[in-house]
Amino acid sequence: MADVNFNPFESRACRDVRNHLGSALLKAIARQSPDAVTAMAADIDTAPLSPSVTAYIRDRLSRYEAVMGMMKSKKYFSKDLYPIAGLLWDEGLFFECHEWLEQGFAGLHGRDRDLRQALIRTAGTFELLAYGRTGPAVSTAAKALAVLEIYQEQIPEAFHIQPKIKRLKAVVAAHGRP
């Protein structure tokens, strides 16, 4: 892999690393053991990597370790959808938060489906912004806000939605509606 900045929206190899690590984290959470992440990192580490990819992996593993530690200290279980989504968010793991919230999404209907999709879009907005994809982020933020402003009272407190709504509004206001 060439030594370029890590960007999963512009590099298939970067996207693969991000996706593999994210999947490993979800497995680790489900098993309540960091072993899946450690094994995945070991597999990825066997290939020659650019410094930016290596730095991304190290950063993610450090954040994953923090999440797993918080889960253990707060006695969260893998079924605790919103508290764990909040932990992922607080560590700046927006892609992983997005993936975590997608679990079970296909089986939802009506308001529950709309609300979960808005939360997934909320995390997606900040993943897009992290890589300079402002246009898609603004569009995604506006779609999320349209639902969140109606149903915000339905969101469990563990996800701390008010600060997220405020940030979404700031994104839309700063860059205009799509």
Foldseek 3Di string as FASTA:
>chain_A
DDQDAQDLVVDVVSVVLLVCLLVQLLVCQQVLHNVSNVVSLVVVVVDDDHPNSVVVSVLVVVLSVVLSVVCVVVVPHSVPQQLSLQSCVVSVNLVSSLVSLCVVLVVDDDLVNLLSQLVSLLSVLSSCVVRPNLVVSLASLVSSLVNCVVCVVVDDCSNVCPVSNVVSVVSCVVVHHD
